[in-house]
Amino acid sequence: MPLSIRNISPGDEAASETTLWKYLTFEKFLDFLLMKRLYFRRADKLTDPFECLVPPEVCMGDPADGTPQAEREFLAAHESYINSARTKVFLNSWHTNEHESEAMWKLFGGAGHSLAIRSTLGRITSRLAGHDLTAGKVLYKDMVRDDCVISDIFDFALLKRKPFEHEREFRLIFINEGGDDNPRLLDSFGLHIPVEPADIVDRIYVSPLSEPWQFELTQSIITRQGLSDRLIRSTLFNFPGMKR
């Protein structure tokens, strides 16, 4: 069964060819490559405390002060969602961009040695079709001024505040209905979905901040996995003619 993909217009190239990136520390990359799995973080354990939430300024109505019925119903639904559904939402994030991003290297790769996986939406969604996932582009909204349609749990998971729009995020979403008994659960913070890295990876970029010996180490590991032809040393900070 194909993945359900949201926030993609009928003529959007993201239906198959849009380039996606995942920037990872060396340790997280090894977890993906050697353990053959993608890590999904629980929504309420992410850095932004408003992940998968409507911010407080949107939920300021008081049922006792004449708040309209529709707004009261929304507030009640939001409270119920916070108390019961939000802890079931697990997210795996990718960056949408045709080119590598200096900002994403710093934000998600960290200083020093890190890697970026390059893939396409079509490649990822076709290979993960059997894992009961939902996917979609994140919408960045001013939640006070903009019209925000919230009809289900996935609308919450694909909505973020405008200060984060530089992330240009595409998300894979897993709803954990199995609770603590889910065999995929790693701990209270996240779970894993099994993947075959060779099926997902188009290219593997080594950070432009990595030392030569770190590149050699990474090259040796990736070669043993049969993916040496997909390895690229980023030249983002190279002068013309400079070799790293």
Protein backbone atom coordinates (compact mmCIF):
# COMPACT_ATOMS: atom_id res chain seq x y z
CA MET A 1 0.00 0.00 0.00
CA PRO A 2 1.58 3.38 -1.02
CA LEU A 3 2.29 6.03 1.58
CA SER A 4 -0.31 8.71 2.06
CA ILE A 5 1.41 12.01 1.12
CA ARG A 6 0.00 15.34 2.26
CA ASN A 7 0.46 18.98 1.24
CA ILE A 8 1.58 18.07 -2.27
CA SER A 9 -0.22 19.85 -5.12
CA PRO A 10 -1.25 17.84 -8.22
CA GLY A 11 1.50 19.38 -10.35
CA ASP A 12 4.18 19.24 -7.67
CA GLU A 13 7.40 17.55 -8.74
CA ALA A 14 7.84 16.46 -5.13
CA ALA A 15 5.57 13.55 -5.97
CA SER A 16 8.71 11.79 -7.15
CA GLU A 17 11.76 13.86 -8.04
CA THR A 18 12.20 16.45 -5.28
CA THR A 19 15.60 16.10 -3.64
CA LEU A 20 15.60 15.37 0.09
CA TRP A 21 18.50 15.58 2.51
CA LYS A 22 19.11 14.23 5.99
CA TYR A 23 22.03 15.77 7.90
CA LEU A 24 23.43 13.49 10.60
CA THR A 25 26.19 13.33 13.16
CA PHE A 26 28.67 10.53 12.49
CA GLU A 27 27.12 8.36 15.22
CA LYS A 28 23.59 8.79 13.87
CA PHE A 29 24.79 8.04 10.36
CA LEU A 30 26.38 4.78 11.56
CA ASP A 31 23.12 3.83 13.24
CA PHE A 32 21.34 4.31 9.91
CA LEU A 33 24.00 2.56 7.80
CA LEU A 34 25.04 -0.37 9.98
CA MET A 35 21.84 -1.02 11.93
CA LYS A 36 19.74 -0.42 8.78
CA ARG A 37 17.06 1.70 10.38
CA LEU A 38 15.56 5.20 10.45
CA TYR A 39 15.07 6.89 13.79
CA PHE A 40 11.70 8.50 14.57
CA ARG A 41 11.59 10.94 17.49
CA ARG A 42 8.50 11.33 19.66
CA ALA A 43 6.90 14.70 18.93
CA ASP A 44 6.84 15.95 22.52
CA LYS A 45 10.53 15.08 22.96
CA LEU A 46 11.77 17.37 20.18
CA THR A 47 13.58 20.66 20.83
CA ASP A 48 10.66 22.91 19.90
CA PRO A 49 8.13 22.66 22.77
CA PHE A 50 5.32 23.52 20.34
CA GLU A 51 5.92 20.59 17.99
CA CYS A 52 2.55 19.25 16.85
CA LEU A 53 0.74 21.86 18.95
CA VAL A 54 -1.18 25.04 18.39
CA PRO A 55 0.69 27.77 20.35
CA PRO A 56 -0.94 29.29 23.46
CA GLU A 57 -1.80 32.58 21.74
CA VAL A 58 -4.18 30.65 19.46
CA CYS A 59 -5.87 28.92 22.39
CA MET A 60 -6.78 31.90 24.54
CA GLY A 61 -10.52 31.48 24.52
CA ASP A 62 -12.40 30.93 27.74
CA PRO A 63 -15.64 28.93 27.46
CA ALA A 64 -17.09 31.07 30.26
CA ASP A 65 -16.66 34.40 28.45
CA GLY A 66 -18.93 33.82 25.50
CA THR A 67 -16.40 32.07 23.26
CA PRO A 68 -18.17 30.84 20.09
CA GLN A 69 -19.27 27.20 20.05
CA ALA A 70 -16.94 26.24 17.19
CA GLU A 71 -13.94 27.66 19.04
CA ARG A 72 -14.93 25.93 22.26
CA GLU A 73 -15.11 22.63 20.38
CA PHE A 74 -11.67 23.23 18.88
CA LEU A 75 -10.17 24.02 22.29
CA ALA A 76 -11.71 20.87 23.76
CA ALA A 77 -10.40 18.77 20.87
CA HIS A 78 -6.93 20.29 21.24
CA GLU A 79 -6.84 19.54 24.96
CA SER A 80 -7.93 15.96 24.31
CA TYR A 81 -5.23 15.63 21.64
CA ILE A 82 -2.53 16.90 24.02
CA ASN A 83 -3.61 14.50 26.75
CA SER A 84 -3.96 11.37 24.65
CA ALA A 85 -2.72 11.55 21.05
CA ARG A 86 0.40 13.70 20.91
CA THR A 87 2.63 11.14 22.64
CA LYS A 88 1.75 8.66 19.88
CA VAL A 89 3.26 10.85 17.13
CA PHE A 90 6.80 9.93 15.98
CA LEU A 91 8.62 11.94 13.32
CA ASN A 92 11.51 11.47 10.91
CA SER A 93 12.58 14.70 9.20
CA TRP A 94 14.21 15.54 5.85
CA HIS A 95 15.28 18.83 4.30
CA THR A 96 13.92 19.80 0.86
CA ASN A 97 16.57 21.44 -1.31
CA GLU A 98 18.21 20.90 -4.69
CA HIS A 99 21.62 21.71 -3.18
CA GLU A 100 23.44 21.00 0.06
CA SER A 101 22.90 23.60 2.74
CA GLU A 102 25.58 25.25 4.88
CA ALA A 103 22.92 26.10 7.47
CA MET A 104 21.72 22.50 7.71
CA TRP A 105 25.29 21.23 8.12
CA LYS A 106 25.61 23.46 11.17
CA LEU A 107 22.12 22.92 12.53
CA PHE A 108 21.85 19.13 12.30
CA GLY A 109 25.34 17.87 11.50
CA GLY A 110 27.03 19.87 14.21
CA ALA A 111 30.61 21.10 14.19
CA GLY A 112 33.23 18.78 12.76
CA HIS A 113 32.63 15.37 11.25
CA SER A 114 29.11 14.67 10.00
CA LEU A 115 27.34 13.32 6.93
CA ALA A 116 24.33 14.02 4.77
CA ILE A 117 22.19 11.46 2.99
CA ARG A 118 20.74 12.64 -0.32
CA SER A 119 17.65 10.93 -1.68
CA THR A 120 14.39 11.72 -3.46
CA LEU A 121 10.83 11.71 -2.24
CA GLY A 122 9.92 9.00 -4.73
CA ARG A 123 12.75 6.73 -3.64
CA ILE A 124 11.93 7.10 0.06
CA THR A 125 8.17 6.75 -0.16
CA SER A 126 8.32 3.74 -2.49
CA ARG A 127 10.79 1.87 -0.25
CA LEU A 128 8.85 2.60 2.95
CA ALA A 129 5.39 1.84 1.59
CA GLY A 130 4.99 -1.23 3.81
CA HIS A 131 5.50 0.52 7.14
CA ASP A 132 2.15 2.24 7.74
CA LEU A 133 3.58 5.75 7.49
CA THR A 134 2.14 9.08 6.43
CA ALA A 135 4.36 11.71 4.79
CA GLY A 136 4.07 15.36 3.87
CA LYS A 137 5.55 18.80 3.49
CA VAL A 138 5.51 20.88 6.64
CA LEU A 139 3.43 24.07 6.37
CA TYR A 140 4.86 27.14 8.11
CA LYS A 141 2.13 29.43 9.40
CA ASP A 142 1.53 32.50 11.49
CA MET A 143 -1.03 30.65 13.55
CA VAL A 144 -2.75 33.82 14.74
CA ARG A 145 -3.16 35.48 11.34
CA ASP A 146 -3.15 32.59 8.89
CA ASP A 147 -5.93 30.16 8.17
CA CYS A 148 -4.81 26.89 9.76
CA VAL A 149 -6.94 23.87 8.92
CA ILE A 150 -6.69 21.25 11.67
CA SER A 151 -8.81 18.21 10.95
CA ASP A 152 -6.76 15.36 12.39
CA ILE A 153 -3.51 14.35 14.06
CA PHE A 154 -1.52 14.62 10.81
CA ASP A 155 -2.46 18.28 10.36
CA PHE A 156 -0.88 18.97 13.75
CA ALA A 157 2.23 17.00 12.75
CA LEU A 158 2.68 18.98 9.51
CA LEU A 159 2.25 22.47 10.95
CA LYS A 160 5.04 24.64 12.35
CA ARG A 161 5.58 28.28 13.23
CA LYS A 162 7.12 30.63 10.66
CA PRO A 163 10.45 31.08 12.51
CA PHE A 164 11.26 27.50 11.44
CA GLU A 165 10.54 27.83 7.72
CA HIS A 166 14.27 27.82 6.87
CA GLU A 167 14.17 24.09 7.66
CA ARG A 168 12.03 23.40 4.54
CA GLU A 169 11.03 20.17 6.18
CA PHE A 170 9.48 17.04 4.75
CA ARG A 171 8.29 14.59 7.39
CA LEU A 172 7.64 10.91 7.72
CA ILE A 173 5.04 10.30 10.43
CA PHE A 174 4.40 7.13 12.39
CA ILE A 175 1.48 6.86 14.81
CA ASN A 176 2.33 4.42 17.58
CA GLU A 177 -0.95 2.72 18.42
CA GLY A 178 0.91 -0.13 20.12
CA GLY A 179 2.08 1.95 23.07
CA ASP A 180 4.91 0.58 25.16
CA ASP A 181 4.37 -2.87 23.65
CA ASN A 182 5.42 -1.76 20.17
CA PRO A 183 8.51 -3.86 19.29
CA ARG A 184 9.91 -0.93 17.27
CA LEU A 185 10.10 1.26 20.38
CA LEU A 186 13.67 2.02 21.40
CA ASP A 187 12.81 4.01 24.54
CA SER A 188 10.39 6.72 25.62
CA PHE A 189 12.06 9.16 23.21
CA GLY A 190 11.89 7.31 19.91
CA LEU A 191 11.58 4.21 17.77
CA HIS A 192 13.13 2.68 14.67
CA ILE A 193 11.73 1.69 11.28
CA PRO A 194 13.85 -0.91 9.43
CA VAL A 195 15.23 0.16 6.04
CA GLU A 196 17.79 -0.97 3.51
CA PRO A 197 20.18 2.00 3.16
CA ALA A 198 21.15 1.05 -0.41
CA ASP A 199 17.50 1.43 -1.43
CA ILE A 200 17.19 4.94 0.01
CA VAL A 201 20.60 6.54 -0.55
CA ASP A 202 21.32 8.36 -3.78
CA ARG A 203 24.51 10.06 -2.53
CA ILE A 204 26.36 10.30 0.79
CA TYR A 205 28.09 13.63 1.45
CA VAL A 206 30.89 13.99 4.00
CA SER A 207 30.90 17.33 5.80
CA PRO A 208 33.19 20.05 4.42
CA LEU A 209 34.42 20.49 8.00
CA SER A 210 35.64 16.89 8.32
CA GLU A 211 39.35 16.16 8.63
CA PRO A 212 41.06 14.01 5.95
CA TRP A 213 41.46 11.08 8.35
CA GLN A 214 37.74 11.24 9.17
CA PHE A 215 36.91 11.06 5.49
CA GLU A 216 39.20 8.03 5.08
CA LEU A 217 37.57 6.29 8.03
CA THR A 218 34.09 6.97 6.64
CA GLN A 219 35.16 5.83 3.18
CA SER A 220 36.41 2.53 4.60
CA ILE A 221 33.12 1.88 6.42
CA ILE A 222 30.96 2.81 3.45
CA THR A 223 33.07 0.70 1.07
CA ARG A 224 32.43 -2.36 3.22
CA GLN A 225 28.71 -1.72 2.80
CA GLY A 226 29.06 -1.65 -0.99
CA LEU A 227 28.22 2.04 -1.33
CA SER A 228 31.61 3.56 -2.19
CA ASP A 229 30.35 4.76 -5.57
CA ARG A 230 27.83 7.01 -3.80
CA LEU A 231 30.31 8.77 -1.51
CA ILE A 232 31.12 12.46 -2.09
CA ARG A 233 33.47 14.74 -0.16
CA SER A 234 31.71 18.09 0.12
CA THR A 235 33.64 20.94 -1.52
CA LEU A 236 31.39 23.64 -0.08
CA PHE A 237 34.30 25.57 1.46
CA ASN A 238 37.01 24.76 -1.11
CA PHE A 239 38.89 27.43 -2.98
CA PRO A 240 39.11 26.79 -6.76
CA GLY A 241 41.68 24.06 -7.34
CA MET A 242 41.88 23.23 -3.65
CA LYS A 243 41.96 19.56 -2.66
CA ARG A 244 40.79 18.16 0.67
